[in-house]
Amino acid sequence: MSPDSAVLPPSLQTPHDLVRDLKHLPSAPKVLPRLKQLLSDGNSSMYEIVALVRLDPAIAARVLQMGNSAFFSNGTRCFTVEEAVNRVGYTQVYDMVSYAVASQVLVRPLEVYGLEADDLWKLSVACALAAEILAVRTGQDRDVAYTVGLLHSIGMVVIDEWALRQQRHLVFPSMGFPRETIEAERALLGFTQADAGSALLQHWGFPRLMCEPVRWQYAPRASAAQARMACLLHCAKWLRSVACADGTAERPPLPHESVLQLIPLGKGELPSLVGEVQRRLQDVSSLLETGQTERGVRSHRFPVKPTH
């Protein structure tokens, strides 16, 4: 890191200050919490869902792109958000919009963290899938878990954006799971990407049950009200770290037994789920590929959420 970056400007004392200081944050995925409300209400109509998706042109465009992917098109193109949503089906809308949000917010390189755009996207979606699997297995809210997993690293985007605009040439080396980059972040900023991510989610209007697990992802049992979901996120991060690693990488240590017990999850259960996360991640990657129609529809199935 450069010498002039050793001290933060006085205006930036907290992660909330950092979020407020940024004038060009990523497009707020406000559709996700509202969409969850609509899908949880049996009286919601498809019209309401379509109207919500159309509020964000970039996300609407991505939903259309996925509606025309090989998974859903069957050789026939759709030209409106309503057609795309109807093609996918009511129960899969949340997944599709979540992937669209990820493609808008998370697909960008992060110089501070040495991550390419594809790396950040893959880690984020893998964590979301892992969190969803764990939620279904342990009786927690799968949509909350999925969103928390998807956006758990959004604080990296905030910090990288701030560094870029301040022309601060920072490098935060990762120590791997579970500590990752928090030592370097705290040394310079006084807080971590988890704190910044939680502040951004609050700024976007996400509820505390989603903000708090993101904030406490490195010390999940310290969360006063959301310790169980924070522990689930911590374990999902272990799964995504293993699922996304190359075959030569050494596996990180399992989460502490006290974290596993709070979910609850047996120590042997977590490693057994790595293959499922990898399979679902491959399905999602195939889902987001476009231009496959002329070559025929692939045999992969869309990763359908299991019900409670």
C-alpha atoms as a PDB file:
ATOM      1  CA  MET A   1       0.000   0.000   0.000  1.00  0.00           C
ATOM      2  CA  SER A   2       1.235   3.522  -0.708  1.00  0.00           C
ATOM      3  CA  PRO A   3       2.640   5.720   2.101  1.00  0.00           C
ATOM      4  CA  ASP A   4      -0.118   8.305   1.781  1.00  0.00           C
ATOM      5  CA  SER A   5      -2.742   5.642   2.400  1.00  0.00           C
ATOM      6  CA  ALA A   6      -1.654   4.852   5.948  1.00  0.00           C
ATOM      7  CA  VAL A   7      -4.192   7.191   7.518  1.00  0.00           C
ATOM      8  CA  LEU A   8      -7.845   7.603   6.623  1.00  0.00           C
ATOM      9  CA  PRO A   9      -9.207  11.103   6.053  1.00  0.00           C
ATOM     10  CA  PRO A  10     -11.003  12.443   9.157  1.00  0.00           C
ATOM     11  CA  SER A  11     -14.394  12.202   7.426  1.00  0.00           C
ATOM     12  CA  LEU A  12     -14.132   8.403   7.307  1.00  0.00           C
ATOM     13  CA  GLN A  13     -14.379   7.064  10.836  1.00  0.00           C
ATOM     14  CA  THR A  14     -16.855   4.207  10.437  1.00  0.00           C
ATOM     15  CA  PRO A  15     -18.034   1.867   7.673  1.00  0.00           C
ATOM     16  CA  HIS A  16     -21.219   3.955   7.483  1.00  0.00           C
ATOM     17  CA  ASP A  17     -19.073   7.010   6.741  1.00  0.00           C
ATOM     18  CA  LEU A  18     -17.365   5.060   3.980  1.00  0.00           C
ATOM     19  CA  VAL A  19     -20.695   4.088   2.416  1.00  0.00           C
ATOM     20  CA  ARG A  20     -22.056   7.643   2.653  1.00  0.00           C
ATOM     21  CA  ASP A  21     -18.855   9.041   1.120  1.00  0.00           C
ATOM     22  CA  LEU A  22     -19.278   7.038  -2.065  1.00  0.00           C
ATOM     23  CA  LYS A  23     -21.364   8.813  -4.677  1.00  0.00           C
ATOM     24  CA  HIS A  24     -21.388   6.035  -7.250  1.00  0.00           C
ATOM     25  CA  LEU A  25     -22.225   2.854  -5.391  1.00  0.00           C
ATOM     26  CA  PRO A  26     -23.378  -0.203  -7.333  1.00  0.00           C
ATOM     27  CA  SER A  27     -27.053  -0.280  -8.242  1.00  0.00           C
ATOM     28  CA  ALA A  28     -28.971  -1.145  -5.081  1.00  0.00           C
ATOM     29  CA  PRO A  29     -30.564  -4.593  -5.399  1.00  0.00           C
ATOM     30  CA  LYS A  30     -33.654  -3.440  -3.522  1.00  0.00           C
ATOM     31  CA  VAL A  31     -35.667  -5.927  -5.534  1.00  0.00           C
ATOM     32  CA  LEU A  32     -34.430  -8.825  -3.405  1.00  0.00           C
ATOM     33  CA  PRO A  33     -35.979  -8.050   0.002  1.00  0.00           C
ATOM     34  CA  ARG A  34     -39.177  -6.788  -1.635  1.00  0.00           C
ATOM     35  CA  LEU A  35     -39.318  -9.806  -3.927  1.00  0.00           C
ATOM     36  CA  LYS A  36     -38.995 -12.107  -0.942  1.00  0.00           C
ATOM     37  CA  GLN A  37     -41.981 -10.381   0.660  1.00  0.00           C
ATOM     38  CA  LEU A  38     -44.065 -10.828  -2.476  1.00  0.00           C
ATOM     39  CA  LEU A  39     -43.158 -14.489  -2.875  1.00  0.00           C
ATOM     40  CA  SER A  40     -43.933 -15.145   0.795  1.00  0.00           C
ATOM     41  CA  ASP A  41     -47.416 -13.692   0.342  1.00  0.00           C
ATOM     42  CA  GLY A  42     -49.811 -16.153  -1.249  1.00  0.00           C
ATOM     43  CA  ASN A  43     -51.941 -13.248  -2.491  1.00  0.00           C
ATOM     44  CA  SER A  44     -49.154 -11.738  -4.601  1.00  0.00           C
ATOM     45  CA  SER A  45     -49.714 -11.771  -8.333  1.00  0.00           C
ATOM     46  CA  MET A  46     -47.244 -12.395 -11.123  1.00  0.00           C
ATOM     47  CA  TYR A  47     -48.056  -8.860 -12.287  1.00  0.00           C
ATOM     48  CA  GLU A  48     -46.640  -7.420  -9.037  1.00  0.00           C
ATOM     49  CA  ILE A  49     -43.483  -9.490  -9.395  1.00  0.00           C
ATOM     50  CA  VAL A  50     -42.954  -8.416 -13.004  1.00  0.00           C
ATOM     51  CA  ALA A  51     -43.558  -4.765 -12.083  1.00  0.00           C
ATOM     52  CA  LEU A  52     -40.909  -5.029  -9.367  1.00  0.00           C
ATOM     53  CA  VAL A  53     -38.291  -6.570 -11.672  1.00  0.00           C
ATOM     54  CA  ARG A  54     -38.920  -3.874 -14.259  1.00  0.00           C
ATOM     55  CA  LEU A  55     -37.954  -1.164 -11.746  1.00  0.00           C
ATOM     56  CA  ASP A  56     -34.282  -1.881 -12.406  1.00  0.00           C
ATOM     57  CA  PRO A  57     -33.556  -1.785 -16.158  1.00  0.00           C
ATOM     58  CA  ALA A  58     -30.199  -3.536 -15.805  1.00  0.00           C
ATOM     59  CA  ILE A  59     -31.676  -6.412 -13.805  1.00  0.00           C
ATOM     60  CA  ALA A  60     -34.674  -6.613 -16.140  1.00  0.00           C
ATOM     61  CA  ALA A  61     -32.291  -6.928 -19.087  1.00  0.00           C
ATOM     62  CA  ARG A  62     -30.403  -9.730 -17.343  1.00  0.00           C
ATOM     63  CA  VAL A  63     -33.652 -11.556 -16.530  1.00  0.00           C
ATOM     64  CA  LEU A  64     -34.568 -11.369 -20.214  1.00  0.00           C
ATOM     65  CA  GLN A  65     -31.150 -12.695 -21.159  1.00  0.00           C
ATOM     66  CA  MET A  66     -31.609 -15.678 -18.859  1.00  0.00           C
ATOM     67  CA  GLY A  67     -35.145 -16.239 -20.083  1.00  0.00           C
ATOM     68  CA  ASN A  68     -33.629 -16.706 -23.531  1.00  0.00           C
ATOM     69  CA  SER A  69     -30.884 -19.051 -22.332  1.00  0.00           C
ATOM     70  CA  ALA A  70     -30.759 -22.672 -23.400  1.00  0.00           C
ATOM     71  CA  PHE A  71     -32.276 -23.765 -20.091  1.00  0.00           C
ATOM     72  CA  PHE A  72     -35.558 -21.966 -20.689  1.00  0.00           C
ATOM     73  CA  SER A  73     -35.898 -20.951 -24.337  1.00  0.00           C
ATOM     74  CA  ASN A  74     -36.598 -24.328 -25.970  1.00  0.00           C
ATOM     75  CA  GLY A  75     -35.811 -22.580 -29.230  1.00  0.00           C
ATOM     76  CA  THR A  76     -38.324 -19.750 -28.735  1.00  0.00           C
ATOM     77  CA  ARG A  77     -37.242 -16.233 -27.816  1.00  0.00           C
ATOM     78  CA  CYS A  78     -39.062 -13.989 -25.346  1.00  0.00           C
ATOM     79  CA  PHE A  79     -39.054 -10.216 -25.611  1.00  0.00           C
ATOM     80  CA  THR A  80     -40.639  -8.959 -22.380  1.00  0.00           C
ATOM     81  CA  VAL A  81     -39.891  -9.381 -18.679  1.00  0.00           C
ATOM     82  CA  GLU A  82     -43.381 -10.834 -18.220  1.00  0.00           C
ATOM     83  CA  GLU A  83     -42.661 -13.539 -20.793  1.00  0.00           C
ATOM     84  CA  ALA A  84     -39.313 -14.330 -19.174  1.00  0.00           C
ATOM     85  CA  VAL A  85     -40.791 -14.574 -15.654  1.00  0.00           C
ATOM     86  CA  ASN A  86     -43.721 -16.703 -16.838  1.00  0.00           C
ATOM     87  CA  ARG A  87     -41.334 -18.969 -18.715  1.00  0.00           C
ATOM     88  CA  VAL A  88     -39.245 -19.606 -15.621  1.00  0.00           C
ATOM     89  CA  GLY A  89     -42.171 -20.022 -13.253  1.00  0.00           C
ATOM     90  CA  TYR A  90     -43.279 -18.463  -9.993  1.00  0.00           C
ATOM     91  CA  THR A  91     -41.185 -20.697  -7.719  1.00  0.00           C
ATOM     92  CA  GLN A  92     -37.930 -19.976  -9.573  1.00  0.00           C
ATOM     93  CA  VAL A  93     -38.235 -16.211  -9.908  1.00  0.00           C
ATOM     94  CA  TYR A  94     -36.262 -15.474  -6.750  1.00  0.00           C
ATOM     95  CA  ASP A  95     -33.318 -17.544  -7.977  1.00  0.00           C
ATOM     96  CA  MET A  96     -33.334 -15.928 -11.387  1.00  0.00           C
ATOM     97  CA  VAL A  97     -33.520 -12.360 -10.058  1.00  0.00           C
ATOM     98  CA  SER A  98     -30.813 -13.178  -7.490  1.00  0.00           C
ATOM     99  CA  TYR A  99     -28.488 -14.321 -10.252  1.00  0.00           C
ATOM    100  CA  ALA A 100     -29.348 -11.170 -12.201  1.00  0.00           C
ATOM    101  CA  VAL A 101     -28.454  -9.026  -9.188  1.00  0.00           C
ATOM    102  CA  ALA A 102     -25.175 -10.899  -8.793  1.00  0.00           C
ATOM    103  CA  SER A 103     -24.312 -10.293 -12.429  1.00  0.00           C
ATOM    104  CA  GLN A 104     -24.897  -6.549 -12.010  1.00  0.00           C
ATOM    105  CA  VAL A 105     -23.340  -5.914  -8.599  1.00  0.00           C
ATOM    106  CA  LEU A 106     -20.658  -8.563  -8.275  1.00  0.00           C
ATOM    107  CA  VAL A 107     -19.225  -8.944 -11.765  1.00  0.00           C
ATOM    108  CA  ARG A 108     -16.344  -6.480 -11.620  1.00  0.00           C
ATOM    109  CA  PRO A 109     -12.639  -6.879 -10.876  1.00  0.00           C
ATOM    110  CA  LEU A 110     -11.454  -5.823  -7.414  1.00  0.00           C
ATOM    111  CA  GLU A 111      -7.883  -4.528  -7.626  1.00  0.00           C
ATOM    112  CA  VAL A 112      -7.531  -4.085  -3.861  1.00  0.00           C
ATOM    113  CA  TYR A 113      -8.242  -7.780  -3.336  1.00  0.00           C
ATOM    114  CA  GLY A 114      -6.567  -9.132  -6.454  1.00  0.00           C
ATOM    115  CA  LEU A 115      -9.823 -10.678  -7.653  1.00  0.00           C
ATOM    116  CA  GLU A 116     -10.994 -10.934 -11.217  1.00  0.00           C
ATOM    117  CA  ALA A 117     -14.694 -10.366 -11.907  1.00  0.00           C
ATOM    118  CA  ASP A 118     -15.344 -14.052 -12.504  1.00  0.00           C
ATOM    119  CA  ASP A 119     -13.627 -14.956  -9.231  1.00  0.00           C
ATOM    120  CA  LEU A 120     -15.820 -12.651  -7.157  1.00  0.00           C
ATOM    121  CA  TRP A 121     -18.982 -13.825  -8.890  1.00  0.00           C
ATOM    122  CA  LYS A 122     -18.084 -17.488  -8.464  1.00  0.00           C
ATOM    123  CA  LEU A 123     -17.226 -17.129  -4.769  1.00  0.00           C
ATOM    124  CA  SER A 124     -20.416 -15.161  -4.099  1.00  0.00           C
ATOM    125  CA  VAL A 125     -22.777 -17.528  -5.890  1.00  0.00           C
ATOM    126  CA  ALA A 126     -21.049 -20.602  -4.453  1.00  0.00           C
ATOM    127  CA  CYS A 127     -21.525 -19.149  -0.961  1.00  0.00           C
ATOM    128  CA  ALA A 128     -25.189 -18.434  -1.719  1.00  0.00           C
ATOM    129  CA  LEU A 129     -25.763 -22.004  -2.893  1.00  0.00           C
ATOM    130  CA  ALA A 130     -23.916 -23.410   0.114  1.00  0.00           C
ATOM    131  CA  ALA A 131     -25.938 -21.226   2.492  1.00  0.00           C
ATOM    132  CA  GLU A 132     -29.179 -22.341   0.876  1.00  0.00           C
ATOM    133  CA  ILE A 133     -28.218 -26.014   1.162  1.00  0.00           C
ATOM    134  CA  LEU A 134     -27.318 -25.560   4.827  1.00  0.00           C
ATOM    135  CA  ALA A 135     -30.542 -23.633   5.538  1.00  0.00           C
ATOM    136  CA  VAL A 136     -32.730 -26.373   4.110  1.00  0.00           C
ATOM    137  CA  ARG A 137     -30.734 -28.989   6.000  1.00  0.00           C
ATOM    138  CA  THR A 138     -30.975 -27.152   9.343  1.00  0.00           C
ATOM    139  CA  GLY A 139     -34.448 -25.617   9.140  1.00  0.00           C
ATOM    140  CA  GLN A 140     -33.491 -21.964   8.594  1.00  0.00           C
ATOM    141  CA  ASP A 141     -34.994 -19.552   6.055  1.00  0.00           C
ATOM    142  CA  ARG A 142     -33.494 -20.586   2.727  1.00  0.00           C
ATOM    143  CA  ASP A 143     -34.172 -17.264   0.948  1.00  0.00           C
ATOM    144  CA  VAL A 144     -32.582 -15.218   3.727  1.00  0.00           C
ATOM    145  CA  ALA A 145     -29.629 -17.614   3.775  1.00  0.00           C
ATOM    146  CA  TYR A 146     -29.260 -17.439  -0.003  1.00  0.00           C
ATOM    147  CA  THR A 147     -29.270 -13.630  -0.071  1.00  0.00           C
ATOM    148  CA  VAL A 148     -26.858 -13.368   2.855  1.00  0.00           C
ATOM    149  CA  GLY A 149     -24.518 -15.792   1.100  1.00  0.00           C
ATOM    150  CA  LEU A 150     -24.824 -13.982  -2.225  1.00  0.00           C
ATOM    151  CA  LEU A 151     -23.980 -10.563  -0.756  1.00  0.00           C
ATOM    152  CA  HIS A 152     -21.550 -11.602   1.993  1.00  0.00           C
ATOM    153  CA  SER A 153     -18.572 -10.023   0.155  1.00  0.00           C
ATOM    154  CA  ILE A 154     -20.309  -6.845  -1.012  1.00  0.00           C
ATOM    155  CA  GLY A 155     -18.124  -4.883   1.412  1.00  0.00           C
ATOM    156  CA  MET A 156     -15.160  -5.667  -0.829  1.00  0.00           C
ATOM    157  CA  VAL A 157     -16.896  -3.797  -3.642  1.00  0.00           C
ATOM    158  CA  VAL A 158     -17.389  -0.792  -1.343  1.00  0.00           C
ATOM    159  CA  ILE A 159     -13.763  -0.694  -0.187  1.00  0.00           C
ATOM    160  CA  ASP A 160     -12.402  -1.226  -3.702  1.00  0.00           C
ATOM    161  CA  GLU A 161     -14.653   1.544  -5.050  1.00  0.00           C
ATOM    162  CA  TRP A 162     -13.473   3.920  -2.314  1.00  0.00           C
ATOM    163  CA  ALA A 163      -9.805   3.085  -2.960  1.00  0.00           C
ATOM    164  CA  LEU A 164     -10.266   3.565  -6.700  1.00  0.00           C
ATOM    165  CA  ARG A 165     -11.848   6.994  -6.303  1.00  0.00           C
ATOM    166  CA  GLN A 166      -9.314   8.103  -3.705  1.00  0.00           C
ATOM    167  CA  GLN A 167      -6.484   6.852  -5.952  1.00  0.00           C
ATOM    168  CA  ARG A 168      -5.146   4.762  -3.102  1.00  0.00           C
ATOM    169  CA  HIS A 169      -3.135   1.852  -4.430  1.00  0.00           C
ATOM    170  CA  LEU A 170      -3.946  -0.709  -1.782  1.00  0.00           C
ATOM    171  CA  VAL A 171      -3.397  -4.433  -1.710  1.00  0.00           C
ATOM    172  CA  PHE A 172      -5.104  -6.554   0.917  1.00  0.00           C
ATOM    173  CA  PRO A 173      -3.578 -10.052   0.737  1.00  0.00           C
ATOM    174  CA  SER A 174      -5.903 -12.879   1.728  1.00  0.00           C
ATOM    175  CA  MET A 175      -4.833 -15.339   4.374  1.00  0.00           C
ATOM    176  CA  GLY A 176      -7.584 -17.726   3.298  1.00  0.00           C
ATOM    177  CA  PHE A 177     -10.528 -18.978   5.330  1.00  0.00           C
ATOM    178  CA  PRO A 178     -11.393 -18.068   8.041  1.00  0.00           C
ATOM    179  CA  ARG A 179      -9.494 -14.752   8.496  1.00  0.00           C
ATOM    180  CA  GLU A 180      -9.128 -13.784   4.826  1.00  0.00           C
ATOM    181  CA  THR A 181      -8.173 -10.074   4.554  1.00  0.00           C
ATOM    182  CA  ILE A 182      -9.464  -8.723   7.860  1.00  0.00           C
ATOM    183  CA  GLU A 183      -6.029  -8.087   9.430  1.00  0.00           C
ATOM    184  CA  ALA A 184      -4.974  -5.760   6.592  1.00  0.00           C
ATOM    185  CA  GLU A 185      -8.397  -4.110   6.487  1.00  0.00           C
ATOM    186  CA  ARG A 186      -8.416  -3.377  10.210  1.00  0.00           C
ATOM    187  CA  ALA A 187      -4.836  -2.101  10.121  1.00  0.00           C
ATOM    188  CA  LEU A 188      -5.734   0.559   7.544  1.00  0.00           C
ATOM    189  CA  LEU A 189      -9.451   1.194   7.876  1.00  0.00           C
ATOM    190  CA  GLY A 190     -10.211   0.207  11.456  1.00  0.00           C
ATOM    191  CA  PHE A 191     -12.978  -2.087  10.226  1.00  0.00           C
ATOM    192  CA  THR A 192     -13.434  -4.996   7.824  1.00  0.00           C
ATOM    193  CA  GLN A 193     -15.197  -5.649   4.560  1.00  0.00           C
ATOM    194  CA  ALA A 194     -17.873  -7.416   6.638  1.00  0.00           C
ATOM    195  CA  ASP A 195     -18.567  -4.160   8.503  1.00  0.00           C
ATOM    196  CA  ALA A 196     -18.639  -2.213   5.240  1.00  0.00           C
ATOM    197  CA  GLY A 197     -20.918  -4.783   3.627  1.00  0.00           C
ATOM    198  CA  SER A 198     -23.358  -4.677   6.519  1.00  0.00           C
ATOM    199  CA  ALA A 199     -23.377  -0.861   6.392  1.00  0.00           C
ATOM    200  CA  LEU A 200     -24.138  -0.942   2.668  1.00  0.00           C
ATOM    201  CA  LEU A 201     -26.993  -3.425   3.132  1.00  0.00           C
ATOM    202  CA  GLN A 202     -28.460  -1.171   5.814  1.00  0.00           C
ATOM    203  CA  HIS A 203     -28.070   1.793   3.439  1.00  0.00           C
ATOM    204  CA  TRP A 204     -29.999  -0.211   0.834  1.00  0.00           C
ATOM    205  CA  GLY A 205     -32.804  -0.938   3.300  1.00  0.00           C
ATOM    206  CA  PHE A 206     -32.145  -4.613   3.950  1.00  0.00           C
ATOM    207  CA  PRO A 207     -33.527  -5.912   7.280  1.00  0.00           C
ATOM    208  CA  ARG A 208     -31.294  -6.622  10.269  1.00  0.00           C
ATOM    209  CA  LEU A 209     -31.775 -10.372   9.904  1.00  0.00           C
ATOM    210  CA  MET A 210     -29.712 -10.074   6.689  1.00  0.00           C
ATOM    211  CA  CYS A 211     -27.329  -7.266   7.703  1.00  0.00           C
ATOM    212  CA  GLU A 212     -26.222  -8.778  11.000  1.00  0.00           C
ATOM    213  CA  PRO A 213     -24.986 -12.163   9.687  1.00  0.00           C
ATOM    214  CA  VAL A 214     -22.891 -10.329   7.075  1.00  0.00           C
ATOM    215  CA  ARG A 215     -21.411  -8.116   9.785  1.00  0.00           C
ATOM    216  CA  TRP A 216     -20.531 -11.040  12.061  1.00  0.00           C
ATOM    217  CA  GLN A 217     -19.344 -13.535   9.427  1.00  0.00           C
ATOM    218  CA  TYR A 218     -15.849 -13.644  10.967  1.00  0.00           C
ATOM    219  CA  ALA A 219     -17.052 -13.958  14.578  1.00  0.00           C
ATOM    220  CA  PRO A 220     -20.488 -15.527  14.148  1.00  0.00           C
ATOM    221  CA  ARG A 221     -21.190 -16.428  17.766  1.00  0.00           C
ATOM    222  CA  ALA A 222     -20.719 -12.766  18.759  1.00  0.00           C
ATOM    223  CA  SER A 223     -23.928 -11.748  16.999  1.00  0.00           C
ATOM    224  CA  ALA A 224     -26.538 -10.992  19.643  1.00  0.00           C
ATOM    225  CA  ALA A 225     -29.707 -11.619  17.620  1.00  0.00           C
ATOM    226  CA  GLN A 226     -28.600 -13.474  14.468  1.00  0.00           C
ATOM    227  CA  ALA A 227     -25.896 -15.832  15.723  1.00  0.00           C
ATOM    228  CA  ARG A 228     -27.432 -18.913  14.121  1.00  0.00           C
ATOM    229  CA  MET A 229     -27.613 -17.372  10.640  1.00  0.00           C
ATOM    230  CA  ALA A 230     -24.144 -15.863  11.108  1.00  0.00           C
ATOM    231  CA  CYS A 231     -22.795 -19.322  11.966  1.00  0.00           C
ATOM    232  CA  LEU A 232     -24.538 -20.733   8.903  1.00  0.00           C
ATOM    233  CA  LEU A 233     -22.867 -18.079   6.736  1.00  0.00           C
ATOM    234  CA  HIS A 234     -19.488 -18.857   8.289  1.00  0.00           C
ATOM    235  CA  CYS A 235     -19.919 -22.534   7.417  1.00  0.00           C
ATOM    236  CA  ALA A 236     -21.159 -21.652   3.918  1.00  0.00           C
ATOM    237  CA  LYS A 237     -17.936 -19.693   3.412  1.00  0.00           C
ATOM    238  CA  TRP A 238     -15.946 -22.806   4.289  1.00  0.00           C
ATOM    239  CA  LEU A 239     -17.945 -24.768   1.721  1.00  0.00           C
ATOM    240  CA  ARG A 240     -17.462 -22.141  -1.003  1.00  0.00           C
ATOM    241  CA  SER A 241     -13.734 -21.938  -0.245  1.00  0.00           C
ATOM    242  CA  VAL A 242     -13.361 -25.686  -0.744  1.00  0.00           C
ATOM    243  CA  ALA A 243     -15.774 -25.945  -3.677  1.00  0.00           C
ATOM    244  CA  CYS A 244     -14.024 -23.155  -5.617  1.00  0.00           C
ATOM    245  CA  ALA A 245     -10.441 -24.213  -4.851  1.00  0.00           C
ATOM    246  CA  ASP A 246      -8.314 -26.049  -7.372  1.00  0.00           C
ATOM    247  CA  GLY A 247      -7.507 -29.674  -6.711  1.00  0.00           C
ATOM    248  CA  THR A 248      -4.015 -28.961  -5.356  1.00  0.00           C
ATOM    249  CA  ALA A 249      -5.057 -26.481  -2.648  1.00  0.00           C
ATOM    250  CA  GLU A 250      -4.999 -27.613   0.961  1.00  0.00           C
ATOM    251  CA  ARG A 251      -8.388 -27.584   2.617  1.00  0.00           C
ATOM    252  CA  PRO A 252      -8.874 -24.905   5.259  1.00  0.00           C
ATOM    253  CA  PRO A 253      -9.611 -26.014   8.821  1.00  0.00           C
ATOM    254  CA  LEU A 254     -13.244 -26.782   9.568  1.00  0.00           C
ATOM    255  CA  PRO A 255     -15.225 -24.126  11.440  1.00  0.00           C
ATOM    256  CA  HIS A 256     -14.974 -24.360  15.226  1.00  0.00           C
ATOM    257  CA  GLU A 257     -17.140 -27.024  16.796  1.00  0.00           C
ATOM    258  CA  SER A 258     -19.085 -24.388  18.751  1.00  0.00           C
ATOM    259  CA  VAL A 259     -20.110 -22.785  15.445  1.00  0.00           C
ATOM    260  CA  LEU A 260     -21.241 -26.112  14.003  1.00  0.00           C
ATOM    261  CA  GLN A 261     -23.229 -26.911  17.135  1.00  0.00           C
ATOM    262  CA  LEU A 262     -25.202 -23.688  16.979  1.00  0.00           C
ATOM    263  CA  ILE A 263     -26.579 -24.389  13.491  1.00  0.00           C
ATOM    264  CA  PRO A 264     -26.627 -27.405  14.392  1.00  0.00           C
ATOM    265  CA  LEU A 265     -24.435 -29.486  12.092  1.00  0.00           C
ATOM    266  CA  GLY A 266     -22.248 -32.517  12.660  1.00  0.00           C
ATOM    267  CA  LYS A 267     -18.527 -32.147  11.918  1.00  0.00           C
ATOM    268  CA  GLY A 268     -18.656 -34.812   9.231  1.00  0.00           C
ATOM    269  CA  GLU A 269     -21.673 -33.288   7.476  1.00  0.00           C
ATOM    270  CA  LEU A 270     -19.960 -30.193   6.103  1.00  0.00           C
ATOM    271  CA  PRO A 271     -17.326 -31.950   3.939  1.00  0.00           C
ATOM    272  CA  SER A 272     -20.031 -34.237   2.542  1.00  0.00           C
ATOM    273  CA  LEU A 273     -21.783 -31.210   0.988  1.00  0.00           C
ATOM    274  CA  VAL A 274     -18.845 -29.954  -1.101  1.00  0.00           C
ATOM    275  CA  GLY A 275     -19.810 -32.042  -4.133  1.00  0.00           C
ATOM    276  CA  GLU A 276     -23.398 -30.782  -4.044  1.00  0.00           C
ATOM    277  CA  VAL A 277     -22.226 -27.152  -4.006  1.00  0.00           C
ATOM    278  CA  GLN A 278     -19.923 -27.833  -6.954  1.00  0.00           C
ATOM    279  CA  ARG A 279     -22.711 -29.500  -8.956  1.00  0.00           C
ATOM    280  CA  ARG A 280     -25.125 -26.648  -8.345  1.00  0.00           C
ATOM    281  CA  LEU A 281     -22.485 -24.070  -9.187  1.00  0.00           C
ATOM    282  CA  GLN A 282     -21.890 -25.801 -12.498  1.00  0.00           C
ATOM    283  CA  ASP A 283     -25.634 -25.782 -13.173  1.00  0.00           C
ATOM    284  CA  VAL A 284     -25.790 -22.040 -12.470  1.00  0.00           C
ATOM    285  CA  SER A 285     -22.791 -21.368 -14.715  1.00  0.00           C
ATOM    286  CA  SER A 286     -24.521 -23.272 -17.497  1.00  0.00           C
ATOM    287  CA  LEU A 287     -27.768 -21.418 -16.835  1.00  0.00           C
ATOM    288  CA  LEU A 288     -26.116 -18.040 -17.363  1.00  0.00           C
ATOM    289  CA  GLU A 289     -24.544 -19.036 -20.661  1.00  0.00           C
ATOM    290  CA  THR A 290     -26.460 -17.610 -23.608  1.00  0.00           C
ATOM    291  CA  GLY A 291     -26.411 -18.197 -27.303  1.00  0.00           C
ATOM    292  CA  GLN A 292     -26.795 -21.935 -26.867  1.00  0.00           C
ATOM    293  CA  THR A 293     -30.182 -22.253 -28.558  1.00  0.00           C
ATOM    294  CA  GLU A 294     -28.860 -22.954 -32.038  1.00  0.00           C
ATOM    295  CA  ARG A 295     -26.661 -25.756 -30.702  1.00  0.00           C
ATOM    296  CA  GLY A 296     -29.463 -27.398 -28.777  1.00  0.00           C
ATOM    297  CA  VAL A 297     -30.596 -27.381 -25.166  1.00  0.00           C
ATOM    298  CA  ARG A 298     -28.169 -28.847 -22.668  1.00  0.00           C
ATOM    299  CA  SER A 299     -29.169 -31.730 -20.439  1.00  0.00           C
ATOM    300  CA  HIS A 300     -28.498 -29.794 -17.200  1.00  0.00           C
ATOM    301  CA  ARG A 301     -31.483 -29.004 -15.041  1.00  0.00           C
ATOM    302  CA  PHE A 302     -32.043 -25.653 -13.396  1.00  0.00           C
ATOM    303  CA  PRO A 303     -31.067 -26.017  -9.720  1.00  0.00           C
ATOM    304  CA  VAL A 304     -34.535 -26.142  -8.164  1.00  0.00           C
ATOM    305  CA  LYS A 305     -34.786 -25.123  -4.533  1.00  0.00           C
ATOM    306  CA  PRO A 306     -35.924 -27.953  -2.254  1.00  0.00           C
ATOM    307  CA  THR A 307     -38.876 -27.078  -0.056  1.00  0.00           C
ATOM    308  CA  HIS A 308     -38.911 -27.231   3.713  1.00  0.00           C
END
